[in-house]
Amino acid sequence: MSQKKSVLIICYNFPPIGGGGVPRPLKMAKYLGEFGWRVHILTVDPTYHVTSDPSLLAQLPASVTIHRAKEKNFLPRPNVQQTSKPQGEASTVPAKPSAVSQVKRGVINLLKKVKPYLLIPDDQILWYPEAVKKGREIMHREQIDVIFSTSGPVTNHLIGQKLAQEFPCKWVIDFRDPWTQNMHRSGIAWRDRLEERMEAKVMKAADAVTTVTATFAKNFRKKYGDTIKRLELIYNGFDREDFVNLEPYLEQPDKFHAVYAGILYQKRNPRLLLAAIKELIDEGLVDRSQIALSFAGVFDYPGYTENADCVRELGLGDVVHVLGNLKHKEALGLMKGGDALLLIGDVTPDAGAYIPGKLYEYMGIGNPVLALNMPGEATEIIQEFRLGQVANPLDKEAIKQAYLKLYQEWKAGKQVDEQSGPQKEAEFADRVKPYERKEQARQLAQLMDELMN
């Protein structure tokens, strides 16, 4: 093989940070070396994050070089030990806050209010100065042929834009989520206009744009037309190696065990599902002694208690188990031992354009999926590959019927899809090949090779 070319991957979210945005750059870094590319990572200095999983770093080959740049803090870091309380632990009456702590709290609340007007395009913009400085050092020292910036946060692209302007290289921008076409916008008119201009400049300057769903690609092309020099669809996916010799974690052998591993927040929560299950119990259609639900990751975001309150109000404390953060391998083991894998999507009208990364891991696990998802590409994938049941996340009756169907099939000891036995495994593996991480790294390597040539 000829001498390897070098790529600089710019990604704020990288281990020891865990969570949904991490696997794409992590797996690209893991496999690009097999396709002739030497990998350098520019990421943030290890710091507090809601999800953390240092064990992910063990997946990287020794040839991958990680460069870290410090980030300035706009708000004080939360006290991690006080962000959650084990379920069932007795509450204590807090002491009356001192005058100093009240002033500090007032300042923090003020900073939270002004933050959307100052941190543009996202909270990570304070990482930009040090990241650009570190990036320049890398570009001077290493012979970088291609910069690959992947968002969110979109600050990654601003860093890539600056470095690509200053050094002779190709630049590929990767959108795991849209920027100005995102369902999560500030709602501040002047800021939205500013971000529109920022995005347009990035799109024009990049040598290629990649994204993760056909809908995203279609919307980018519709908005920017030939301003985008080259547009490629490289799906998110699953790493088959993650599932080799995978041992189930926290099995519930005598119960219909539904599991979820990930982050829940205001627009992605399990409360309607829990209400639906409570009604099924009350109607005598589901035996509460035969069911369990396990949630790993972030059940309630720090500062919120709505999901825990819902469990308590519905009287489902004996059914719902909140496990907190698990290492990635343990989370996969939890899924492996589940009878139903919960896919809980956002409820905004355009949420159907998104394909949750969790869905691809569920492909690798192979257990039935219970997807509460708006109509769109994700639901089409579930239906095409016969992965499980789909229900509108706003329709409680549909959720009840989807859950009940999987519960009844579990009781009867049936497969959700009787045609997906061992004889179909080879065919299934071939069909889902575009969703494998190694294949996606090959696609990116091919794109970068073509840009270089």
Protein backbone atom coordinates (compact mmCIF):
# COMPACT_ATOMS: atom_id res chain seq x y z
CA MET A 1 0.00 0.00 0.00
CA SER A 2 1.23 3.51 -0.77
CA GLN A 3 2.15 5.91 2.03
CA LYS A 4 -0.83 6.83 4.13
CA LYS A 5 -2.49 10.20 3.81
CA SER A 6 -3.47 12.12 6.94
CA VAL A 7 -6.88 13.38 8.07
CA LEU A 8 -7.63 15.74 10.95
CA ILE A 9 -11.02 14.95 12.50
CA ILE A 10 -12.43 17.93 14.40
CA CYS A 11 -15.00 16.76 16.94
CA TYR A 12 -15.81 18.32 20.31
CA ASN A 13 -17.73 15.18 21.35
CA PHE A 14 -15.12 12.45 21.72
CA PRO A 15 -14.21 10.04 24.53
CA PRO A 16 -14.03 10.22 27.47
CA ILE A 17 -17.25 12.08 26.62
CA GLY A 18 -19.95 9.52 25.86
CA GLY A 19 -23.39 9.79 24.32
CA GLY A 20 -25.09 9.70 20.96
CA GLY A 21 -22.80 12.07 19.05
CA VAL A 22 -19.60 10.20 19.88
CA PRO A 23 -19.77 6.90 17.91
CA ARG A 24 -19.53 8.46 14.42
CA PRO A 25 -16.14 10.18 14.84
CA LEU A 26 -14.94 7.37 17.14
CA LYS A 27 -15.68 4.64 14.61
CA MET A 28 -14.33 6.68 11.70
CA ALA A 29 -11.09 7.05 13.67
CA LYS A 30 -11.11 3.34 14.46
CA TYR A 31 -11.41 2.12 10.86
CA LEU A 32 -9.97 4.80 8.55
CA GLY A 33 -6.47 3.41 9.05
CA GLU A 34 -7.55 0.20 7.29
CA PHE A 35 -8.28 2.26 4.18
CA GLY A 36 -4.98 4.10 3.95
CA TRP A 37 -5.55 7.12 6.22
CA ARG A 38 -3.56 8.21 9.27
CA VAL A 39 -5.95 9.79 11.79
CA HIS A 40 -5.44 12.83 14.00
CA ILE A 41 -8.23 13.91 16.37
CA LEU A 42 -8.74 17.50 17.54
CA THR A 43 -11.11 17.47 20.50
CA VAL A 44 -11.77 19.15 23.83
CA ASP A 45 -9.67 18.69 26.95
CA PRO A 46 -11.29 16.06 29.24
CA THR A 47 -13.90 17.81 31.32
CA TYR A 48 -17.25 17.27 33.02
CA HIS A 49 -20.00 15.95 30.79
CA VAL A 50 -23.47 14.60 31.52
CA THR A 51 -22.40 11.30 29.95
CA SER A 52 -18.87 9.98 30.36
CA ASP A 53 -17.33 6.69 29.23
CA PRO A 54 -13.50 6.58 29.20
CA SER A 55 -13.62 2.89 28.22
CA LEU A 56 -14.48 3.93 24.65
CA LEU A 57 -10.88 5.05 24.12
CA ALA A 58 -9.78 1.42 24.21
CA GLN A 59 -11.38 0.91 20.79
CA LEU A 60 -8.84 3.13 19.03
CA PRO A 61 -5.74 1.68 17.37
CA ALA A 62 -2.37 3.00 18.53
CA SER A 63 -1.92 4.81 15.21
CA VAL A 64 -4.64 7.36 16.09
CA THR A 65 -3.25 10.56 17.64
CA ILE A 66 -5.52 12.62 19.91
CA HIS A 67 -4.88 16.34 20.39
CA ARG A 68 -6.85 18.19 23.07
CA ALA A 69 -7.58 21.89 23.46
CA LYS A 70 -8.92 23.53 26.60
CA GLU A 71 -12.36 25.13 26.73
CA LYS A 72 -13.30 28.26 28.65
CA ASN A 73 -16.36 27.95 30.88
CA PHE A 74 -19.29 30.33 30.66
CA LEU A 75 -21.14 28.78 33.61
CA PRO A 76 -19.74 26.95 36.66
CA ARG A 77 -19.48 23.23 36.17
CA PRO A 78 -22.26 21.36 38.03
CA ASN A 79 -21.48 19.33 41.12
CA VAL A 80 -21.73 15.88 39.57
CA GLN A 81 -22.35 14.19 42.92
CA GLN A 82 -25.49 16.28 43.39
CA THR A 83 -27.01 15.92 39.93
CA SER A 84 -28.91 12.73 40.74
CA LYS A 85 -30.19 10.77 43.70
CA PRO A 86 -30.64 6.98 43.73
CA GLN A 87 -34.27 5.98 43.40
CA GLY A 88 -35.91 5.50 46.76
CA GLU A 89 -33.30 7.46 48.71
CA ALA A 90 -34.83 9.63 51.40
CA SER A 91 -34.92 13.35 50.77
CA THR A 92 -33.38 15.77 53.23
CA VAL A 93 -34.44 19.32 53.94
CA PRO A 94 -31.74 21.61 52.54
CA ALA A 95 -30.25 24.27 54.76
CA LYS A 96 -31.24 27.86 54.09
CA PRO A 97 -28.82 29.24 51.47
CA SER A 98 -26.40 31.91 52.58
CA ALA A 99 -26.46 35.43 51.17
CA VAL A 100 -23.35 34.68 49.10
CA SER A 101 -24.85 31.53 47.61
CA GLN A 102 -28.06 33.42 46.80
CA VAL A 103 -26.06 36.05 44.94
CA LYS A 104 -24.15 33.35 43.06
CA ARG A 105 -27.40 31.65 42.12
CA GLY A 106 -28.79 34.94 40.87
CA VAL A 107 -25.71 35.56 38.73
CA ILE A 108 -25.88 32.04 37.30
CA ASN A 109 -29.58 32.45 36.46
CA LEU A 110 -28.79 35.73 34.71
CA LEU A 111 -26.00 34.09 32.71
CA LYS A 112 -28.37 31.32 31.65
CA LYS A 113 -30.82 33.92 30.33
CA VAL A 114 -28.23 35.88 28.33
CA LYS A 115 -26.35 32.81 27.08
CA PRO A 116 -28.43 32.40 23.87
CA TYR A 117 -27.56 36.00 22.94
CA LEU A 118 -23.82 35.58 23.51
CA LEU A 119 -22.79 32.00 22.67
CA ILE A 120 -23.30 31.75 18.90
CA PRO A 121 -23.64 29.40 17.07
CA ASP A 122 -23.66 27.12 20.15
CA ASP A 123 -22.38 26.78 23.71
CA GLN A 124 -19.07 25.34 22.52
CA ILE A 125 -17.96 28.54 20.77
CA LEU A 126 -15.76 29.27 23.81
CA TRP A 127 -13.68 26.26 22.72
CA TYR A 128 -12.96 27.95 19.37
CA PRO A 129 -9.87 30.07 20.27
CA GLU A 130 -7.88 27.25 21.87
CA ALA A 131 -9.05 24.72 19.28
CA VAL A 132 -7.87 26.93 16.40
CA LYS A 133 -4.55 27.47 18.19
CA LYS A 134 -4.06 23.75 18.71
CA GLY A 135 -5.23 23.07 15.15
CA ARG A 136 -2.59 25.40 13.74
CA GLU A 137 0.08 23.52 15.69
CA ILE A 138 -1.14 20.23 14.23
CA MET A 139 -1.30 21.59 10.68
CA HIS A 140 2.25 22.98 10.93
CA ARG A 141 3.68 19.82 12.46
CA GLU A 142 1.76 17.11 10.58
CA GLN A 143 1.15 16.85 6.85
CA ILE A 144 -2.65 16.99 6.97
CA ASP A 145 -4.28 16.28 3.62
CA VAL A 146 -7.95 16.53 4.63
CA ILE A 147 -9.84 18.20 7.47
CA PHE A 148 -13.03 16.37 8.44
CA SER A 149 -15.20 18.46 10.81
CA THR A 150 -18.31 16.74 12.14
CA SER A 151 -21.19 18.43 13.97
CA GLY A 152 -22.81 19.03 16.39
CA PRO A 153 -21.64 21.28 17.76
CA VAL A 154 -21.36 23.39 14.61
CA THR A 155 -18.48 25.27 16.22
CA ASN A 156 -16.45 22.33 14.86
CA HIS A 157 -17.11 23.63 11.33
CA LEU A 158 -16.01 27.17 12.20
CA ILE A 159 -12.72 25.73 13.44
CA GLY A 160 -12.39 23.67 10.27
CA GLN A 161 -13.22 26.69 8.13
CA LYS A 162 -10.49 28.78 9.76
CA LEU A 163 -7.84 26.08 9.39
CA ALA A 164 -8.84 25.26 5.80
CA GLN A 165 -8.45 28.95 4.91
CA GLU A 166 -4.93 29.07 6.31
CA PHE A 167 -3.49 25.74 5.14
CA PRO A 168 -3.41 23.86 1.80
CA CYS A 169 -5.77 20.92 2.31
CA LYS A 170 -9.20 19.62 1.41
CA TRP A 171 -12.13 20.13 3.78
CA VAL A 172 -15.12 17.84 4.32
CA ILE A 173 -17.97 18.96 6.60
CA ASP A 174 -20.20 16.32 8.16
CA PHE A 175 -23.66 17.00 9.59
CA ARG A 176 -25.03 14.43 12.00
CA ASP A 177 -27.89 16.91 12.46
CA PRO A 178 -28.80 19.94 10.35
CA TRP A 179 -27.69 23.43 11.37
CA THR A 180 -30.19 26.12 10.35
CA GLN A 181 -32.74 23.49 9.30
CA ASN A 182 -32.65 21.97 12.79
CA MET A 183 -35.81 21.58 14.87
CA HIS A 184 -33.87 23.05 17.82
CA ARG A 185 -33.41 26.73 16.92
CA SER A 186 -32.90 29.72 19.17
CA GLY A 187 -36.05 31.58 18.09
CA ILE A 188 -34.04 34.82 18.25
CA ALA A 189 -34.56 36.44 14.84
CA TRP A 190 -31.26 38.30 14.51
CA ARG A 191 -29.31 35.26 15.75
CA ASP A 192 -31.07 32.96 13.29
CA ARG A 193 -30.21 35.34 10.42
CA LEU A 194 -26.59 35.45 11.56
CA GLU A 195 -26.40 31.66 11.64
CA GLU A 196 -27.91 31.49 8.15
CA ARG A 197 -25.01 33.60 6.87
CA MET A 198 -22.48 31.54 8.81
CA GLU A 199 -23.83 28.30 7.40
CA ALA A 200 -23.90 29.63 3.83
CA LYS A 201 -20.20 30.56 4.04
CA VAL A 202 -19.31 27.12 5.41
CA MET A 203 -21.29 25.36 2.67
CA LYS A 204 -19.61 27.44 -0.03
CA ALA A 205 -16.08 26.94 1.26
CA ALA A 206 -16.21 23.17 1.87
CA ASP A 207 -14.92 20.74 -0.77
CA ALA A 208 -17.60 18.22 0.17
CA VAL A 209 -20.59 17.88 2.50
CA THR A 210 -21.63 14.60 4.09
CA THR A 211 -24.73 13.85 6.15
CA VAL A 212 -26.55 10.91 7.71
CA THR A 213 -30.07 10.79 6.24
CA ALA A 214 -31.54 11.13 2.76
CA THR A 215 -33.92 13.78 4.06
CA PHE A 216 -31.08 15.92 5.39
CA ALA A 217 -29.25 15.58 2.06
CA LYS A 218 -32.36 16.52 0.09
CA ASN A 219 -32.97 19.59 2.27
CA PHE A 220 -29.34 20.74 1.98
CA ARG A 221 -29.45 20.47 -1.81
CA LYS A 222 -32.80 22.24 -1.98
CA LYS A 223 -31.54 25.15 0.09
CA TYR A 224 -28.02 25.55 -1.30
CA GLY A 225 -28.15 23.99 -4.77
CA ASP A 226 -24.82 24.04 -6.61
CA THR A 227 -23.21 26.09 -3.83
CA ILE A 228 -22.45 22.67 -2.40
CA LYS A 229 -19.63 21.30 -4.54
CA ARG A 230 -20.24 17.68 -3.60
CA LEU A 231 -22.86 16.08 -1.36
CA GLU A 232 -22.62 12.50 -0.09
CA LEU A 233 -24.91 10.42 2.12
CA ILE A 234 -22.97 8.33 4.65
CA TYR A 235 -25.39 6.81 7.14
CA ASN A 236 -24.84 6.38 10.84
CA GLY A 237 -24.67 2.77 11.86
CA PHE A 238 -23.46 0.00 14.15
CA ASP A 239 -20.11 -1.67 14.65
CA ARG A 240 -20.45 -5.42 14.35
CA GLU A 241 -17.40 -5.89 16.57
CA ASP A 242 -19.30 -4.31 19.47
CA PHE A 243 -21.60 -7.32 19.58
CA VAL A 244 -19.04 -10.14 19.50
CA ASN A 245 -19.24 -12.28 22.67
CA LEU A 246 -21.64 -9.76 24.18
CA GLU A 247 -22.96 -10.89 27.56
CA PRO A 248 -26.48 -9.84 28.65
CA TYR A 249 -26.56 -7.34 31.51
CA LEU A 250 -29.32 -7.23 34.14
CA GLU A 251 -31.50 -9.97 32.68
CA GLN A 252 -35.10 -10.32 33.84
CA PRO A 253 -35.78 -13.94 32.79
CA ASP A 254 -39.36 -14.11 34.05
CA LYS A 255 -40.43 -10.64 32.95
CA PHE A 256 -41.10 -8.77 29.72
CA HIS A 257 -38.12 -6.46 29.98
CA ALA A 258 -38.15 -3.23 27.96
CA VAL A 259 -34.90 -1.26 28.01
CA TYR A 260 -33.64 2.17 27.01
CA ALA A 261 -30.07 3.49 27.11
CA GLY A 262 -29.48 7.13 26.30
CA ILE A 263 -30.43 10.69 27.17
CA LEU A 264 -34.01 11.76 27.84
CA TYR A 265 -35.07 15.42 27.93
CA GLN A 266 -38.12 17.67 27.55
CA LYS A 267 -39.04 16.76 23.97
CA ARG A 268 -37.91 13.14 24.27
CA ASN A 269 -39.39 11.54 27.34
CA PRO A 270 -41.11 8.27 28.37
CA ARG A 271 -44.07 9.76 30.21
CA LEU A 272 -46.80 8.90 27.69
CA LEU A 273 -45.38 5.37 27.40
CA LEU A 274 -45.52 4.98 31.19
CA ALA A 275 -49.10 6.28 31.25
CA ALA A 276 -50.02 3.81 28.49
CA ILE A 277 -48.50 0.90 30.42
CA LYS A 278 -50.33 1.95 33.60
CA GLU A 279 -53.63 1.89 31.69
CA LEU A 280 -52.85 -1.58 30.32
CA ILE A 281 -52.19 -2.76 33.88
CA ASP A 282 -55.41 -1.19 35.16
CA GLU A 283 -57.39 -2.76 32.29
CA GLY A 284 -56.03 -6.20 33.17
CA LEU A 285 -54.30 -6.64 29.81
CA VAL A 286 -50.79 -6.59 31.32
CA ASP A 287 -49.69 -8.30 34.55
CA ARG A 288 -47.48 -5.82 36.40
CA SER A 289 -45.61 -8.70 38.08
CA GLN A 290 -44.50 -9.84 34.63
CA ILE A 291 -43.05 -6.57 33.30
CA ALA A 292 -39.97 -4.42 33.89
CA LEU A 293 -38.60 -1.25 32.32
CA SER A 294 -34.93 -0.28 32.68
CA PHE A 295 -33.53 3.15 31.80
CA ALA A 296 -29.77 3.67 31.58
CA GLY A 297 -28.11 7.01 30.90
CA VAL A 298 -29.83 10.30 31.75
CA PHE A 299 -33.39 9.68 32.95
CA ASP A 300 -33.93 13.29 34.05
CA TYR A 301 -31.55 16.00 32.88
CA PRO A 302 -29.80 17.74 35.81
CA GLY A 303 -32.22 20.23 37.33
CA TYR A 304 -35.37 18.40 36.16
CA THR A 305 -37.47 15.69 37.82
CA GLU A 306 -40.49 15.27 35.51
CA ASN A 307 -39.78 11.65 34.57
CA ALA A 308 -39.07 10.54 38.14
CA ASP A 309 -42.20 12.42 39.27
CA CYS A 310 -44.22 10.58 36.62
CA VAL A 311 -43.00 7.18 37.85
CA ARG A 312 -43.97 8.09 41.39
CA GLU A 313 -47.39 9.55 40.47
CA LEU A 314 -48.30 6.49 38.39
CA GLY A 315 -47.16 4.13 41.16
CA LEU A 316 -44.72 2.31 38.88
CA GLY A 317 -41.73 2.36 41.22
CA ASP A 318 -41.69 -1.45 41.32
CA VAL A 319 -41.66 -1.68 37.53
CA VAL A 320 -39.28 1.10 36.47
CA HIS A 321 -35.56 0.78 37.19
CA VAL A 322 -33.31 3.85 36.72
CA LEU A 323 -29.74 2.62 36.32
CA GLY A 324 -27.80 5.84 35.68
CA ASN A 325 -24.85 5.94 33.29
CA LEU A 326 -23.41 2.62 32.14
CA LYS A 327 -20.24 1.91 30.23
CA HIS A 328 -20.92 1.36 26.54
CA LYS A 329 -20.36 -2.40 26.75
CA GLU A 330 -22.72 -2.64 29.72
CA ALA A 331 -25.35 -0.59 27.87
CA LEU A 332 -25.09 -2.97 24.91
CA GLY A 333 -25.40 -5.88 27.35
CA LEU A 334 -28.53 -4.30 28.77
CA MET A 335 -29.98 -4.16 25.25
CA LYS A 336 -28.91 -7.74 24.60
CA GLY A 337 -30.83 -8.92 27.65
CA GLY A 338 -33.96 -6.91 26.83
CA ASP A 339 -37.14 -8.35 25.36
CA ALA A 340 -38.01 -4.98 23.81
CA LEU A 341 -35.64 -2.17 22.87
CA LEU A 342 -37.20 1.26 23.39
CA LEU A 343 -36.66 3.91 20.75
CA ILE A 344 -38.10 7.18 22.07
CA GLY A 345 -38.01 9.99 19.52
CA ASP A 346 -38.63 13.72 19.65
CA VAL A 347 -42.18 14.93 19.18
CA THR A 348 -41.62 17.99 16.97
CA PRO A 349 -43.28 17.86 13.52
CA ASP A 350 -39.97 17.49 11.65
CA ALA A 351 -38.55 14.84 14.01
CA GLY A 352 -39.27 12.14 11.42
CA ALA A 353 -36.38 13.47 9.33
CA TYR A 354 -33.95 12.23 11.99
CA ILE A 355 -32.66 8.68 12.34
CA PRO A 356 -31.63 8.07 15.97
CA GLY A 357 -28.19 6.51 16.23
CA LYS A 358 -29.64 4.08 18.74
CA LEU A 359 -31.65 2.41 15.97
CA TYR A 360 -28.46 1.15 14.34
CA GLU A 361 -27.25 -0.40 17.57
CA TYR A 362 -30.62 -2.10 17.83
CA MET A 363 -29.94 -3.57 14.38
CA GLY A 364 -26.75 -5.07 15.74
CA ILE A 365 -28.51 -6.48 18.81
CA GLY A 366 -31.37 -7.99 16.82
CA ASN A 367 -34.04 -7.91 19.57
CA PRO A 368 -37.54 -6.49 18.91
CA VAL A 369 -37.84 -2.69 18.81
CA LEU A 370 -40.66 -0.63 20.30
CA ALA A 371 -40.29 2.69 18.48
CA LEU A 372 -42.16 5.79 19.59
CA ASN A 373 -41.22 7.85 16.58
CA MET A 374 -42.76 10.36 14.20
CA PRO A 375 -43.28 9.08 10.62
CA GLY A 376 -40.10 9.31 8.57
CA GLU A 377 -36.93 7.48 7.62
CA ALA A 378 -36.46 5.74 10.98
CA THR A 379 -39.96 4.24 10.91
CA GLU A 380 -39.42 3.19 7.29
CA ILE A 381 -36.22 1.36 8.25
CA ILE A 382 -37.99 -0.44 11.11
CA GLN A 383 -40.80 -1.51 8.80
CA GLU A 384 -38.53 -2.46 5.88
CA PHE A 385 -36.31 -4.68 8.00
CA ARG A 386 -39.20 -5.90 10.18
CA LEU A 387 -37.47 -4.82 13.37
CA GLY A 388 -40.51 -4.41 15.63
CA GLN A 389 -43.47 -2.14 16.38
CA VAL A 390 -43.85 1.59 15.64
CA ALA A 391 -46.23 4.06 17.29
CA ASN A 392 -46.67 7.81 17.07
CA PRO A 393 -45.10 9.23 20.27
CA LEU A 394 -48.12 11.54 20.73
CA ASP A 395 -50.76 8.79 20.37
CA LYS A 396 -51.28 6.97 23.66
CA GLU A 397 -53.68 4.42 22.19
CA ALA A 398 -51.19 3.51 19.45
CA ILE A 399 -48.45 3.19 22.09
CA LYS A 400 -50.69 0.88 24.13
CA GLN A 401 -51.35 -1.37 21.16
CA ALA A 402 -47.69 -1.53 20.10
CA TYR A 403 -46.52 -2.38 23.63
CA LEU A 404 -49.33 -4.89 24.12
CA LYS A 405 -48.49 -6.69 20.88
CA LEU A 406 -44.86 -7.21 21.89
CA TYR A 407 -45.92 -8.22 25.41
CA GLN A 408 -48.38 -10.81 24.06
CA GLU A 409 -45.78 -12.21 21.65
CA TRP A 410 -43.33 -12.48 24.53
CA LYS A 411 -45.91 -14.41 26.55
CA ALA A 412 -46.57 -16.72 23.62
CA GLY A 413 -42.84 -17.27 23.15
CA LYS A 414 -42.95 -16.12 19.50
CA GLN A 415 -40.50 -14.17 17.37
CA VAL A 416 -41.70 -10.72 16.28
CA ASP A 417 -40.66 -11.71 12.76
CA GLU A 418 -40.83 -15.43 12.14
CA GLN A 419 -38.85 -15.06 8.92
CA SER A 420 -35.78 -13.57 10.61
CA GLY A 421 -34.31 -16.85 11.83
CA PRO A 422 -30.77 -18.11 11.29
CA GLN A 423 -31.44 -18.95 7.64
CA LYS A 424 -31.99 -15.25 6.96
CA GLU A 425 -28.98 -13.93 8.87
CA ALA A 426 -26.63 -13.81 5.87
CA GLU A 427 -29.22 -12.05 3.74
CA PHE A 428 -29.98 -9.59 6.55
CA ALA A 429 -26.28 -8.82 7.07
CA ASP A 430 -25.90 -8.04 3.37
CA ARG A 431 -28.95 -5.78 3.36
CA VAL A 432 -27.82 -3.74 6.35
CA LYS A 433 -24.18 -3.47 5.20
CA PRO A 434 -24.52 0.31 4.45
CA TYR A 435 -25.31 0.72 8.14
CA GLU A 436 -22.06 -0.85 9.38
CA ARG A 437 -19.42 1.53 10.75
CA LYS A 438 -16.56 -0.11 8.87
CA GLU A 439 -18.39 0.31 5.58
CA GLN A 440 -19.06 3.97 6.37
CA ALA A 441 -15.35 4.53 7.08
CA ARG A 442 -14.60 2.97 3.70
CA GLN A 443 -17.05 5.37 2.05
CA LEU A 444 -15.43 8.38 3.73
CA ALA A 445 -11.96 7.16 2.79
CA GLN A 446 -13.06 6.78 -0.82
CA LEU A 447 -14.51 10.30 -0.83
CA MET A 448 -11.29 11.76 0.58
CA ASP A 449 -9.18 9.78 -1.91
CA GLU A 450 -11.23 11.19 -4.77
CA LEU A 451 -10.90 14.75 -3.44
CA MET A 452 -7.13 14.29 -3.24
CA ASN A 453 -6.97 12.95 -6.79
